[in-house]
């Protein structure tokens, strides 16, 4: 199913849930921490143009998952893309002007890409 977070892969001790706002985001490992789980979340979808995924949305979803596991931090691991198929749009038409007929048509298409974010749900001591 598109847009859904995957189930966390538990690797440590799960704690009582906390507020997602209390979950800090780390790009480098903090000094003392315990891994609780590996979590994964969608970060937007793009078509044709390689826009930047909505990292804020992805990180917000990771914080919710981590908070449910009692983690007070997430350690970002990777951003990756998953193909979701493709999309093509076509059109055409014709007309008359100045003693002549004219017509044309065209299509544009490209891949649909789901962007995802993976992190470790951690407990920082």
PDB file of N, CA and C in Angstrom:
ATOM      1  N   UNK A   1       0.843  -1.175   0.000  1.00  0.00           N
ATOM      2  CA  UNK A   1       0.000   0.000   0.000  1.00  0.00           C
ATOM      3  C   UNK A   1       0.888   1.238   0.000  1.00  0.00           C
ATOM      4  N   UNK A   2       0.610   2.204  -0.850  1.00  0.00           N
ATOM      5  CA  UNK A   2       1.423   3.401  -0.941  1.00  0.00           C
ATOM      6  C   UNK A   2       1.201   4.283   0.272  1.00  0.00           C
ATOM      7  N   UNK A   3       2.282   4.955   0.706  1.00  0.00           N
ATOM      8  CA  UNK A   3       2.157   5.942   1.752  1.00  0.00           C
ATOM      9  C   UNK A   3       2.105   5.392   3.160  1.00  0.00           C
ATOM     10  N   UNK A   4       2.248   4.129   3.332  1.00  0.00           N
ATOM     11  CA  UNK A   4       2.165   3.557   4.671  1.00  0.00           C
ATOM     12  C   UNK A   4       3.550   3.284   5.229  1.00  0.00           C
ATOM     13  N   UNK A   5       3.659   3.469   6.521  1.00  0.00           N
ATOM     14  CA  UNK A   5       4.891   3.106   7.197  1.00  0.00           C
ATOM     15  C   UNK A   5       4.929   1.590   7.320  1.00  0.00           C
ATOM     16  N   UNK A   6       6.124   1.032   7.272  1.00  0.00           N
ATOM     17  CA  UNK A   6       6.256  -0.402   7.460  1.00  0.00           C
ATOM     18  C   UNK A   6       6.284  -0.699   8.952  1.00  0.00           C
ATOM     19  N   UNK A   7       6.092  -1.936   9.308  1.00  0.00           N
ATOM     20  CA  UNK A   7       6.152  -2.336  10.706  1.00  0.00           C
ATOM     21  C   UNK A   7       7.582  -2.175  11.209  1.00  0.00           C
ATOM     22  N   UNK A   8       7.757  -1.687  12.439  1.00  0.00           N
ATOM     23  CA  UNK A   8       9.115  -1.547  12.968  1.00  0.00           C
ATOM     24  C   UNK A   8       9.763  -2.916  13.180  1.00  0.00           C
ATOM     25  N   UNK A   9      11.070  -2.957  12.972  1.00  0.00           N
ATOM     26  CA  UNK A   9      11.845  -4.165  13.239  1.00  0.00           C
ATOM     27  C   UNK A   9      12.483  -3.960  14.615  1.00  0.00           C
ATOM     28  N   UNK A  10      11.927  -4.633  15.616  1.00  0.00           N
ATOM     29  CA  UNK A  10      12.357  -4.443  17.010  1.00  0.00           C
ATOM     30  C   UNK A  10      13.719  -5.091  17.228  1.00  0.00           C
ATOM     31  N   UNK A  11      14.662  -4.320  17.786  1.00  0.00           N
ATOM     32  CA  UNK A  11      16.007  -4.832  18.051  1.00  0.00           C
ATOM     33  C   UNK A  11      16.427  -4.619  19.505  1.00  0.00           C
ATOM     34  N   UNK A  12      15.564  -3.983  20.297  1.00  0.00           N
ATOM     35  CA  UNK A  12      15.914  -3.700  21.690  1.00  0.00           C
ATOM     36  C   UNK A  12      14.673  -3.643  22.560  1.00  0.00           C
ATOM     37  N   UNK A  13      14.818  -3.026  23.723  1.00  0.00           N
ATOM     38  CA  UNK A  13      13.743  -2.963  24.708  1.00  0.00           C
ATOM     39  C   UNK A  13      12.759  -1.844  24.371  1.00  0.00           C
ATOM     40  N   UNK A  14      11.495  -2.204  24.162  1.00  0.00           N
ATOM     41  CA  UNK A  14      10.428  -1.229  23.936  1.00  0.00           C
ATOM     42  C   UNK A  14      10.031  -0.644  25.282  1.00  0.00           C
ATOM     43  N   UNK A  15       9.794   0.651  25.310  1.00  0.00           N
ATOM     44  CA  UNK A  15       9.423   1.355  26.534  1.00  0.00           C
ATOM     45  C   UNK A  15       8.008   1.914  26.408  1.00  0.00           C
ATOM     46  N   UNK A  16       7.460   2.470  27.493  1.00  0.00           N
ATOM     47  CA  UNK A  16       6.118   3.078  27.410  1.00  0.00           C
ATOM     48  C   UNK A  16       6.114   4.246  26.409  1.00  0.00           C
ATOM     49  N   UNK A  17       5.010   4.441  25.707  1.00  0.00           N
ATOM     50  CA  UNK A  17       4.926   5.511  24.708  1.00  0.00           C
ATOM     51  C   UNK A  17       5.151   6.897  25.311  1.00  0.00           C
ATOM     52  N   UNK A  18       5.682   7.800  24.496  1.00  0.00           N
ATOM     53  CA  UNK A  18       5.871   9.196  24.877  1.00  0.00           C
ATOM     54  C   UNK A  18       5.271  10.076  23.775  1.00  0.00           C
ATOM     55  N   UNK A  19       5.315  11.371  23.976  1.00  0.00           N
ATOM     56  CA  UNK A  19       4.808  12.319  22.980  1.00  0.00           C
ATOM     57  C   UNK A  19       5.776  12.414  21.793  1.00  0.00           C
ATOM     58  N   UNK A  20       5.268  12.435  20.564  1.00  0.00           N
ATOM     59  CA  UNK A  20       6.149  12.593  19.394  1.00  0.00           C
ATOM     60  C   UNK A  20       6.982  13.882  19.447  1.00  0.00           C
ATOM     61  N   UNK A  21       6.456  14.928  20.092  1.00  0.00           N
ATOM     62  CA  UNK A  21       7.201  16.177  20.204  1.00  0.00           C
ATOM     63  C   UNK A  21       8.451  16.035  21.071  1.00  0.00           C
ATOM     64  N   UNK A  22       8.492  14.997  21.915  1.00  0.00           N
ATOM     65  CA  UNK A  22       9.644  14.767  22.785  1.00  0.00           C
ATOM     66  C   UNK A  22      10.751  13.976  22.091  1.00  0.00           C
ATOM     67  N   UNK A  23      10.509  13.539  20.854  1.00  0.00           N
ATOM     68  CA  UNK A  23      11.490  12.726  20.110  1.00  0.00           C
ATOM     69  C   UNK A  23      12.427  13.656  19.351  1.00  0.00           C
ATOM     70  N   UNK A  24      13.731  13.569  19.655  1.00  0.00           N
ATOM     71  CA  UNK A  24      14.739  14.385  18.966  1.00  0.00           C
ATOM     72  C   UNK A  24      15.247  13.642  17.731  1.00  0.00           C
ATOM     73  N   UNK A  25      15.679  14.424  16.732  1.00  0.00           N
ATOM     74  CA  UNK A  25      16.196  13.879  15.487  1.00  0.00           C
ATOM     75  C   UNK A  25      17.714  14.031  15.482  1.00  0.00           C
ATOM     76  N   UNK A  26      18.421  12.923  15.220  1.00  0.00           N
ATOM     77  CA  UNK A  26      19.887  12.922  15.172  1.00  0.00           C
ATOM     78  C   UNK A  26      20.362  12.498  13.782  1.00  0.00           C
ATOM     79  N   UNK A  27      21.352  13.216  13.273  1.00  0.00           N
ATOM     80  CA  UNK A  27      21.982  12.821  12.015  1.00  0.00           C
ATOM     81  C   UNK A  27      23.290  12.090  12.274  1.00  0.00           C
ATOM     82  N   UNK A  28      23.855  12.303  13.449  1.00  0.00           N
ATOM     83  CA  UNK A  28      25.041  11.551  13.896  1.00  0.00           C
ATOM     84  C   UNK A  28      24.679  10.909  15.229  1.00  0.00           C
ATOM     85  N   UNK A  29      25.245   9.753  15.529  1.00  0.00           N
ATOM     86  CA  UNK A  29      24.880   9.059  16.768  1.00  0.00           C
ATOM     87  C   UNK A  29      25.230   9.878  18.016  1.00  0.00           C
ATOM     88  N   UNK A  30      24.298   9.965  18.965  1.00  0.00           N
ATOM     89  CA  UNK A  30      24.639  10.604  20.241  1.00  0.00           C
ATOM     90  C   UNK A  30      25.607   9.715  21.016  1.00  0.00           C
ATOM     91  N   UNK A  31      26.181  10.255  22.047  1.00  0.00           N
ATOM     92  CA  UNK A  31      27.234   9.545  22.790  1.00  0.00           C
ATOM     93  C   UNK A  31      26.746   8.231  23.415  1.00  0.00           C
ATOM     94  N   UNK A  32      25.641   8.268  24.137  1.00  0.00           N
ATOM     95  CA  UNK A  32      25.148   7.063  24.836  1.00  0.00           C
ATOM     96  C   UNK A  32      23.692   6.812  24.445  1.00  0.00           C
ATOM     97  N   UNK A  33      23.464   5.723  23.741  1.00  0.00           N
ATOM     98  CA  UNK A  33      22.100   5.402  23.340  1.00  0.00           C
ATOM     99  C   UNK A  33      21.935   3.902  23.183  1.00  0.00           C
ATOM    100  N   UNK A  34      20.662   3.483  23.183  1.00  0.00           N
ATOM    101  CA  UNK A  34      20.301   2.092  22.938  1.00  0.00           C
ATOM    102  C   UNK A  34      19.356   2.064  21.732  1.00  0.00           C
ATOM    103  N   UNK A  35      19.566   1.138  20.844  1.00  0.00           N
ATOM    104  CA  UNK A  35      18.651   0.967  19.703  1.00  0.00           C
ATOM    105  C   UNK A  35      17.408   0.213  20.178  1.00  0.00           C
ATOM    106  N   UNK A  36      16.263   0.699  19.745  1.00  0.00           N
ATOM    107  CA  UNK A  36      14.998   0.033  20.057  1.00  0.00           C
ATOM    108  C   UNK A  36      14.457  -0.675  18.823  1.00  0.00           C
ATOM    109  N   UNK A  37      14.488   0.014  17.671  1.00  0.00           N
ATOM    110  CA  UNK A  37      13.907  -0.558  16.459  1.00  0.00           C
ATOM    111  C   UNK A  37      14.438   0.163  15.221  1.00  0.00           C
ATOM    112  N   UNK A  38      14.296  -0.496  14.082  1.00  0.00           N
ATOM    113  CA  UNK A  38      14.534   0.132  12.785  1.00  0.00           C
ATOM    114  C   UNK A  38      13.153   0.506  12.252  1.00  0.00           C
ATOM    115  N   UNK A  39      12.974   1.772  11.895  1.00  0.00           N
ATOM    116  CA  UNK A  39      11.677   2.255  11.425  1.00  0.00           C
ATOM    117  C   UNK A  39      11.835   2.879  10.046  1.00  0.00           C
ATOM    118  N   UNK A  40      10.731   2.914   9.323  1.00  0.00           N
ATOM    119  CA  UNK A  40      10.742   3.335   7.927  1.00  0.00           C
ATOM    120  C   UNK A  40       9.449   4.100   7.653  1.00  0.00           C
ATOM    121  N   UNK A  41       9.523   5.164   6.848  1.00  0.00           N
ATOM    122  CA  UNK A  41       8.334   5.959   6.581  1.00  0.00           C
ATOM    123  C   UNK A  41       8.377   6.573   5.193  1.00  0.00           C
ATOM    124  N   UNK A  42       7.194   6.794   4.583  1.00  0.00           N
ATOM    125  CA  UNK A  42       7.156   7.497   3.300  1.00  0.00           C
ATOM    126  C   UNK A  42       7.517   8.966   3.481  1.00  0.00           C
ATOM    127  N   UNK A  43       8.109   9.553   2.439  1.00  0.00           N
ATOM    128  CA  UNK A  43       8.489  10.969   2.471  1.00  0.00           C
ATOM    129  C   UNK A  43       8.053  11.671   1.192  1.00  0.00           C
ATOM    130  N   UNK A  44       6.944  11.250   0.612  1.00  0.00           N
ATOM    131  CA  UNK A  44       6.416  11.911  -0.567  1.00  0.00           C
ATOM    132  C   UNK A  44       6.615  11.115  -1.843  1.00  0.00           C
ATOM    133  N   UNK A  45       5.932  11.541  -2.900  1.00  0.00           N
ATOM    134  CA  UNK A  45       5.994  10.904  -4.210  1.00  0.00           C
ATOM    135  C   UNK A  45       6.246  11.973  -5.254  1.00  0.00           C
ATOM    136  N   UNK A  46       7.064  11.657  -6.255  1.00  0.00           N
ATOM    137  CA  UNK A  46       7.281  12.607  -7.341  1.00  0.00           C
ATOM    138  C   UNK A  46       7.045  11.929  -8.678  1.00  0.00           C
ATOM    139  N   UNK A  47       6.788  12.751  -9.699  1.00  0.00           N
ATOM    140  CA  UNK A  47       6.535  12.270 -11.052  1.00  0.00           C
ATOM    141  C   UNK A  47       7.284  13.175 -12.018  1.00  0.00           C
ATOM    142  N   UNK A  48       8.019  12.596 -12.917  1.00  0.00           N
ATOM    143  CA  UNK A  48       8.809  13.269 -13.951  1.00  0.00           C
ATOM    144  C   UNK A  48       9.947  14.100 -13.370  1.00  0.00           C
ATOM    145  N   UNK A  49       9.629  15.158 -12.651  1.00  0.00           N
ATOM    146  CA  UNK A  49      10.659  16.065 -12.150  1.00  0.00           C
ATOM    147  C   UNK A  49      11.185  15.565 -10.812  1.00  0.00           C
ATOM    148  N   UNK A  50      12.482  15.458 -10.655  1.00  0.00           N
ATOM    149  CA  UNK A  50      13.057  14.919  -9.408  1.00  0.00           C
ATOM    150  C   UNK A  50      13.044  15.947  -8.287  1.00  0.00           C
ATOM    151  N   UNK A  51      11.856  16.187  -7.705  1.00  0.00           N
ATOM    152  CA  UNK A  51      11.783  17.126  -6.599  1.00  0.00           C
ATOM    153  C   UNK A  51      12.313  16.479  -5.317  1.00  0.00           C
ATOM    154  N   UNK A  52      12.612  17.306  -4.343  1.00  0.00           N
ATOM    155  CA  UNK A  52      13.053  16.786  -3.047  1.00  0.00           C
ATOM    156  C   UNK A  52      11.856  16.235  -2.306  1.00  0.00           C
ATOM    157  N   UNK A  53      12.000  15.069  -1.715  1.00  0.00           N
ATOM    158  CA  UNK A  53      10.879  14.508  -0.965  1.00  0.00           C
ATOM    159  C   UNK A  53      10.514  15.398   0.216  1.00  0.00           C
ATOM    160  N   UNK A  54       9.318  15.237   0.676  1.00  0.00           N
ATOM    161  CA  UNK A  54       8.854  15.983   1.836  1.00  0.00           C
ATOM    162  C   UNK A  54       9.468  15.374   3.089  1.00  0.00           C
ATOM    163  N   UNK A  55      10.689  15.802   3.386  1.00  0.00           N
ATOM    164  CA  UNK A  55      11.397  15.255   4.546  1.00  0.00           C
ATOM    165  C   UNK A  55      10.671  15.566   5.854  1.00  0.00           C
ATOM    166  N   UNK A  56      10.045  16.736   5.920  1.00  0.00           N
ATOM    167  CA  UNK A  56       9.324  17.071   7.148  1.00  0.00           C
ATOM    168  C   UNK A  56       8.227  16.059   7.433  1.00  0.00           C
ATOM    169  N   UNK A  57       7.481  15.674   6.394  1.00  0.00           N
ATOM    170  CA  UNK A  57       6.426  14.683   6.562  1.00  0.00           C
ATOM    171  C   UNK A  57       7.013  13.332   6.961  1.00  0.00           C
ATOM    172  N   UNK A  58       8.067  12.901   6.288  1.00  0.00           N
ATOM    173  CA  UNK A  58       8.709  11.625   6.613  1.00  0.00           C
ATOM    174  C   UNK A  58       9.234  11.597   8.036  1.00  0.00           C
ATOM    175  N   UNK A  59       9.900  12.675   8.445  1.00  0.00           N
ATOM    176  CA  UNK A  59      10.463  12.730   9.799  1.00  0.00           C
ATOM    177  C   UNK A  59       9.349  12.797  10.838  1.00  0.00           C
ATOM    178  N   UNK A  60       8.273  13.515  10.541  1.00  0.00           N
ATOM    179  CA  UNK A  60       7.144  13.571  11.469  1.00  0.00           C
ATOM    180  C   UNK A  60       6.568  12.180  11.704  1.00  0.00           C
ATOM    181  N   UNK A  61       6.450  11.402  10.622  1.00  0.00           N
ATOM    182  CA  UNK A  61       5.929  10.033  10.763  1.00  0.00           C
ATOM    183  C   UNK A  61       6.906   9.140  11.528  1.00  0.00           C
ATOM    184  N   UNK A  62       8.202   9.329  11.306  1.00  0.00           N
ATOM    185  CA  UNK A  62       9.201   8.561  12.061  1.00  0.00           C
ATOM    186  C   UNK A  62       9.124   8.900  13.550  1.00  0.00           C
ATOM    187  N   UNK A  63       8.944  10.174  13.864  1.00  0.00           N
ATOM    188  CA  UNK A  63       8.840  10.581  15.270  1.00  0.00           C
ATOM    189  C   UNK A  63       7.622   9.936  15.934  1.00  0.00           C
ATOM    190  N   UNK A  64       6.502   9.840  15.208  1.00  0.00           N
ATOM    191  CA  UNK A  64       5.310   9.194  15.752  1.00  0.00           C
ATOM    192  C   UNK A  64       5.564   7.719  16.029  1.00  0.00           C
ATOM    193  N   UNK A  65       6.221   7.046  15.081  1.00  0.00           N
ATOM    194  CA  UNK A  65       6.527   5.621  15.280  1.00  0.00           C
ATOM    195  C   UNK A  65       7.466   5.425  16.466  1.00  0.00           C
ATOM    196  N   UNK A  66       8.503   6.259  16.529  1.00  0.00           N
ATOM    197  CA  UNK A  66       9.486   6.140  17.616  1.00  0.00           C
ATOM    198  C   UNK A  66       8.826   6.391  18.968  1.00  0.00           C
ATOM    199  N   UNK A  67       7.979   7.418  19.046  1.00  0.00           N
ATOM    200  CA  UNK A  67       7.301   7.753  20.301  1.00  0.00           C
ATOM    201  C   UNK A  67       6.428   6.595  20.783  1.00  0.00           C
ATOM    202  N   UNK A  68       5.778   5.911  19.856  1.00  0.00           N
ATOM    203  CA  UNK A  68       4.928   4.767  20.220  1.00  0.00           C
ATOM    204  C   UNK A  68       5.740   3.631  20.821  1.00  0.00           C
ATOM    205  N   UNK A  69       7.042   3.586  20.490  1.00  0.00           N
ATOM    206  CA  UNK A  69       7.938   2.548  21.021  1.00  0.00           C
ATOM    207  C   UNK A  69       8.675   3.012  22.276  1.00  0.00           C
ATOM    208  N   UNK A  70       8.419   4.254  22.705  1.00  0.00           N
ATOM    209  CA  UNK A  70       9.103   4.794  23.870  1.00  0.00           C
ATOM    210  C   UNK A  70      10.493   5.314  23.571  1.00  0.00           C
ATOM    211  N   UNK A  71      10.824   5.497  22.316  1.00  0.00           N
ATOM    212  CA  UNK A  71      12.138   6.035  21.931  1.00  0.00           C
ATOM    213  C   UNK A  71      12.108   7.553  22.069  1.00  0.00           C
ATOM    214  N   UNK A  72      13.175   8.131  22.609  1.00  0.00           N
ATOM    215  CA  UNK A  72      13.230   9.584  22.732  1.00  0.00           C
ATOM    216  C   UNK A  72      14.103  10.220  21.645  1.00  0.00           C
ATOM    217  N   UNK A  73      14.493   9.405  20.658  1.00  0.00           N
ATOM    218  CA  UNK A  73      15.274   9.929  19.540  1.00  0.00           C
ATOM    219  C   UNK A  73      15.136   9.053  18.313  1.00  0.00           C
ATOM    220  N   UNK A  74      15.428   9.651  17.158  1.00  0.00           N
ATOM    221  CA  UNK A  74      15.565   8.878  15.925  1.00  0.00           C
ATOM    222  C   UNK A  74      16.909   9.246  15.311  1.00  0.00           C
ATOM    223  N   UNK A  75      17.623   8.231  14.882  1.00  0.00           N
ATOM    224  CA  UNK A  75      18.911   8.401  14.227  1.00  0.00           C
ATOM    225  C   UNK A  75      18.701   8.118  12.745  1.00  0.00           C
ATOM    226  N   UNK A  76      18.746   9.175  11.921  1.00  0.00           N
ATOM    227  CA  UNK A  76      18.482   9.025  10.488  1.00  0.00           C
ATOM    228  C   UNK A  76      19.533   8.135   9.849  1.00  0.00           C
ATOM    229  N   UNK A  77      19.088   7.196   9.034  1.00  0.00           N
ATOM    230  CA  UNK A  77      19.977   6.236   8.384  1.00  0.00           C
ATOM    231  C   UNK A  77      20.098   6.480   6.888  1.00  0.00           C
ATOM    232  N   UNK A  78      18.951   6.520   6.189  1.00  0.00           N
ATOM    233  CA  UNK A  78      19.019   6.681   4.740  1.00  0.00           C
ATOM    234  C   UNK A  78      17.704   7.187   4.177  1.00  0.00           C
ATOM    235  N   UNK A  79      17.823   7.845   3.025  1.00  0.00           N
ATOM    236  CA  UNK A  79      16.675   8.238   2.211  1.00  0.00           C
ATOM    237  C   UNK A  79      16.813   7.444   0.924  1.00  0.00           C
ATOM    238  N   UNK A  80      15.747   6.775   0.511  1.00  0.00           N
ATOM    239  CA  UNK A  80      15.836   5.958  -0.687  1.00  0.00           C
ATOM    240  C   UNK A  80      14.532   6.035  -1.477  1.00  0.00           C
ATOM    241  N   UNK A  81      14.583   5.592  -2.726  1.00  0.00           N
ATOM    242  CA  UNK A  81      13.439   5.655  -3.626  1.00  0.00           C
ATOM    243  C   UNK A  81      12.946   4.256  -3.970  1.00  0.00           C
ATOM    244  N   UNK A  82      11.625   4.149  -4.120  1.00  0.00           N
ATOM    245  CA  UNK A  82      10.982   2.900  -4.525  1.00  0.00           C
ATOM    246  C   UNK A  82      10.094   3.227  -5.717  1.00  0.00           C
ATOM    247  N   UNK A  83      10.258   2.494  -6.813  1.00  0.00           N
ATOM    248  CA  UNK A  83       9.432   2.724  -7.992  1.00  0.00           C
ATOM    249  C   UNK A  83       7.984   2.371  -7.688  1.00  0.00           C
ATOM    250  N   UNK A  84       7.084   3.234  -8.135  1.00  0.00           N
ATOM    251  CA  UNK A  84       5.656   2.997  -7.934  1.00  0.00           C
ATOM    252  C   UNK A  84       4.933   2.875  -9.272  1.00  0.00           C
ATOM    253  N   UNK A  85       5.676   2.574 -10.336  1.00  0.00           N
ATOM    254  CA  UNK A  85       5.067   2.457 -11.659  1.00  0.00           C
ATOM    255  C   UNK A  85       5.315   3.709 -12.474  1.00  0.00           C
ATOM    256  N   UNK A  86       4.391   4.027 -13.350  1.00  0.00           N
ATOM    257  CA  UNK A  86       4.546   5.192 -14.210  1.00  0.00           C
ATOM    258  C   UNK A  86       3.214   5.830 -14.511  1.00  0.00           C
ATOM    259  N   UNK A  87       3.280   6.999 -15.110  1.00  0.00           N
ATOM    260  CA  UNK A  87       2.080   7.740 -15.459  1.00  0.00           C
ATOM    261  C   UNK A  87       2.339   8.453 -16.771  1.00  0.00           C
ATOM    262  N   UNK A  88       1.370   8.405 -17.675  1.00  0.00           N
ATOM    263  CA  UNK A  88       1.479   9.110 -18.952  1.00  0.00           C
ATOM    264  C   UNK A  88       0.182   9.872 -19.214  1.00  0.00           C
ATOM    265  N   UNK A  89       0.323  11.051 -19.789  1.00  0.00           N
ATOM    266  CA  UNK A  89      -0.814  11.887 -20.132  1.00  0.00           C
ATOM    267  C   UNK A  89      -0.696  12.246 -21.609  1.00  0.00           C
ATOM    268  N   UNK A  90      -1.775  12.105 -22.350  1.00  0.00           N
ATOM    269  CA  UNK A  90      -1.759  12.419 -23.781  1.00  0.00           C
ATOM    270  C   UNK A  90      -2.889  13.352 -24.139  1.00  0.00           C
ATOM    271  N   UNK A  91      -2.728  14.015 -25.265  1.00  0.00           N
ATOM    272  CA  UNK A  91      -3.767  14.918 -25.730  1.00  0.00           C
ATOM    273  C   UNK A  91      -3.616  15.144 -27.231  1.00  0.00           C
ATOM    274  N   UNK A  92      -4.637  15.647 -27.830  1.00  0.00           N
ATOM    275  CA  UNK A  92      -4.588  15.946 -29.252  1.00  0.00           C
ATOM    276  C   UNK A  92      -5.740  16.847 -29.630  1.00  0.00           C
ATOM    277  N   UNK A  93      -5.677  17.344 -30.851  1.00  0.00           N
ATOM    278  CA  UNK A  93      -6.754  18.209 -31.310  1.00  0.00           C
ATOM    279  C   UNK A  93      -6.575  18.559 -32.771  1.00  0.00           C
ATOM    280  N   UNK A  94      -7.576  19.234 -33.295  1.00  0.00           N
ATOM    281  CA  UNK A  94      -7.480  19.705 -34.668  1.00  0.00           C
ATOM    282  C   UNK A  94      -8.259  21.000 -34.770  1.00  0.00           C
ATOM    283  N   UNK A  95      -8.042  21.701 -35.873  1.00  0.00           N
ATOM    284  CA  UNK A  95      -8.733  22.969 -36.065  1.00  0.00           C
ATOM    285  C   UNK A  95      -8.695  23.400 -37.514  1.00  0.00           C
ATOM    286  N   UNK A  96      -9.302  24.543 -37.777  1.00  0.00           N
ATOM    287  CA  UNK A  96      -9.362  25.087 -39.126  1.00  0.00           C
ATOM    288  C   UNK A  96      -9.034  26.573 -39.024  1.00  0.00           C
ATOM    289  N   UNK A  97      -8.209  27.039 -39.930  1.00  0.00           N
ATOM    290  CA  UNK A  97      -7.886  28.459 -39.960  1.00  0.00           C
ATOM    291  C   UNK A  97      -7.284  28.845 -41.290  1.00  0.00           C
ATOM    292  N   UNK A  98      -7.725  29.942 -41.847  1.00  0.00           N
ATOM    293  CA  UNK A  98      -7.140  30.469 -43.073  1.00  0.00           C
ATOM    294  C   UNK A  98      -7.123  29.486 -44.223  1.00  0.00           C
ATOM    295  N   UNK A  99      -8.214  28.849 -44.544  1.00  0.00           N
ATOM    296  CA  UNK A  99      -8.344  27.890 -45.653  1.00  0.00           C
ATOM    297  C   UNK A  99      -7.561  26.595 -45.464  1.00  0.00           C
ATOM    298  N   UNK A 100      -7.184  26.239 -44.261  1.00  0.00           N
ATOM    299  CA  UNK A 100      -6.487  24.958 -44.057  1.00  0.00           C
ATOM    300  C   UNK A 100      -6.865  24.348 -42.710  1.00  0.00           C
ATOM    301  N   UNK A 101      -6.757  23.043 -42.696  1.00  0.00           N
ATOM    302  CA  UNK A 101      -6.968  22.303 -41.456  1.00  0.00           C
ATOM    303  C   UNK A 101      -5.608  22.014 -40.822  1.00  0.00           C
ATOM    304  N   UNK A 102      -5.589  21.912 -39.516  1.00  0.00           N
ATOM    305  CA  UNK A 102      -4.363  21.520 -38.828  1.00  0.00           C
ATOM    306  C   UNK A 102      -4.732  20.606 -37.659  1.00  0.00           C
ATOM    307  N   UNK A 103      -3.772  19.836 -37.231  1.00  0.00           N
ATOM    308  CA  UNK A 103      -4.010  18.923 -36.111  1.00  0.00           C
ATOM    309  C   UNK A 103      -2.699  18.538 -35.456  1.00  0.00           C
ATOM    310  N   UNK A 104      -2.799  17.994 -34.284  1.00  0.00           N
ATOM    311  CA  UNK A 104      -1.588  17.581 -33.572  1.00  0.00           C
ATOM    312  C   UNK A 104      -1.929  16.795 -32.329  1.00  0.00           C
ATOM    313  N   UNK A 105      -0.937  16.252 -31.750  1.00  0.00           N
ATOM    314  CA  UNK A 105      -1.133  15.483 -30.523  1.00  0.00           C
ATOM    315  C   UNK A 105       0.202  15.185 -29.883  1.00  0.00           C
ATOM    316  N   UNK A 106       0.148  14.715 -28.681  1.00  0.00           N
ATOM    317  CA  UNK A 106       1.386  14.377 -27.993  1.00  0.00           C
ATOM    318  C   UNK A 106       1.113  13.714 -26.664  1.00  0.00           C
ATOM    319  N   UNK A 107       2.149  13.174 -26.111  1.00  0.00           N
ATOM    320  CA  UNK A 107       2.062  12.554 -24.788  1.00  0.00           C
ATOM    321  C   UNK A 107       3.295  12.916 -23.988  1.00  0.00           C
ATOM    322  N   UNK A 108       3.151  12.857 -22.710  1.00  0.00           N
ATOM    323  CA  UNK A 108       4.277  13.015 -21.799  1.00  0.00           C
ATOM    324  C   UNK A 108       4.103  11.946 -20.721  1.00  0.00           C
ATOM    325  N   UNK A 109       5.183  11.355 -20.329  1.00  0.00           N
ATOM    326  CA  UNK A 109       5.099  10.293 -19.327  1.00  0.00           C
ATOM    327  C   UNK A 109       6.381  10.187 -18.538  1.00  0.00           C
ATOM    328  N   UNK A 110       6.301   9.463 -17.468  1.00  0.00           N
ATOM    329  CA  UNK A 110       7.483   9.263 -16.640  1.00  0.00           C
ATOM    330  C   UNK A 110       7.174   8.376 -15.455  1.00  0.00           C
ATOM    331  N   UNK A 111       8.202   8.077 -14.686  1.00  0.00           N
ATOM    332  CA  UNK A 111       8.025   7.177 -13.542  1.00  0.00           C
ATOM    333  C   UNK A 111       7.425   7.889 -12.332  1.00  0.00           C
ATOM    334  N   UNK A 112       6.701   7.135 -11.537  1.00  0.00           N
ATOM    335  CA  UNK A 112       6.267   7.594 -10.218  1.00  0.00           C
ATOM    336  C   UNK A 112       7.267   7.027  -9.218  1.00  0.00           C
ATOM    337  N   UNK A 113       7.794   7.875  -8.387  1.00  0.00           N
ATOM    338  CA  UNK A 113       8.808   7.466  -7.415  1.00  0.00           C
ATOM    339  C   UNK A 113       8.314   7.781  -6.003  1.00  0.00           C
ATOM    340  N   UNK A 114       8.274   6.777  -5.158  1.00  0.00           N
ATOM    341  CA  UNK A 114       7.982   6.977  -3.733  1.00  0.00           C
ATOM    342  C   UNK A 114       9.300   7.150  -3.000  1.00  0.00           C
ATOM    343  N   UNK A 115       9.437   8.264  -2.294  1.00  0.00           N
ATOM    344  CA  UNK A 115      10.624   8.520  -1.488  1.00  0.00           C
ATOM    345  C   UNK A 115      10.360   8.006  -0.079  1.00  0.00           C
ATOM    346  N   UNK A 116      11.354   7.375   0.535  1.00  0.00           N
ATOM    347  CA  UNK A 116      11.207   6.824   1.878  1.00  0.00           C
ATOM    348  C   UNK A 116      12.392   7.230   2.740  1.00  0.00           C
ATOM    349  N   UNK A 117      12.168   7.248   4.046  1.00  0.00           N
ATOM    350  CA  UNK A 117      13.204   7.584   5.022  1.00  0.00           C
ATOM    351  C   UNK A 117      13.290   6.440   6.020  1.00  0.00           C
ATOM    352  N   UNK A 118      14.517   6.024   6.334  1.00  0.00           N
ATOM    353  CA  UNK A 118      14.729   4.971   7.317  1.00  0.00           C
ATOM    354  C   UNK A 118      15.554   5.522   8.469  1.00  0.00           C
ATOM    355  N   UNK A 119      15.236   5.089   9.678  1.00  0.00           N
ATOM    356  CA  UNK A 119      15.959   5.558  10.858  1.00  0.00           C
ATOM    357  C   UNK A 119      15.962   4.460  11.918  1.00  0.00           C
ATOM    358  N   UNK A 120      16.804   4.667  12.907  1.00  0.00           N
ATOM    359  CA  UNK A 120      16.797   3.814  14.099  1.00  0.00           C
ATOM    360  C   UNK A 120      16.047   4.583  15.193  1.00  0.00           C
ATOM    361  N   UNK A 121      15.057   3.930  15.798  1.00  0.00           N
ATOM    362  CA  UNK A 121      14.397   4.491  16.974  1.00  0.00           C
ATOM    363  C   UNK A 121      15.328   4.179  18.139  1.00  0.00           C
ATOM    364  N   UNK A 122      15.742   5.224  18.863  1.00  0.00           N
ATOM    365  CA  UNK A 122      16.752   5.052  19.911  1.00  0.00           C
ATOM    366  C   UNK A 122      16.281   5.654  21.240  1.00  0.00           C
ATOM    367  N   UNK A 123      16.880   5.166  22.310  1.00  0.00           N
ATOM    368  CA  UNK A 123      16.687   5.753  23.629  1.00  0.00           C
ATOM    369  C   UNK A 123      18.023   6.335  24.052  1.00  0.00           C
ATOM    370  N   UNK A 124      18.053   7.648  24.212  1.00  0.00           N
ATOM    371  CA  UNK A 124      19.281   8.344  24.591  1.00  0.00           C
ATOM    372  C   UNK A 124      19.302   8.503  26.106  1.00  0.00           C
ATOM    373  N   UNK A 125      20.417   8.055  26.697  1.00  0.00           N
ATOM    374  CA  UNK A 125      20.555   8.136  28.164  1.00  0.00           C
ATOM    375  C   UNK A 125      21.185   9.440  28.568  1.00  0.00           C
TER     376      UNK A 125
END
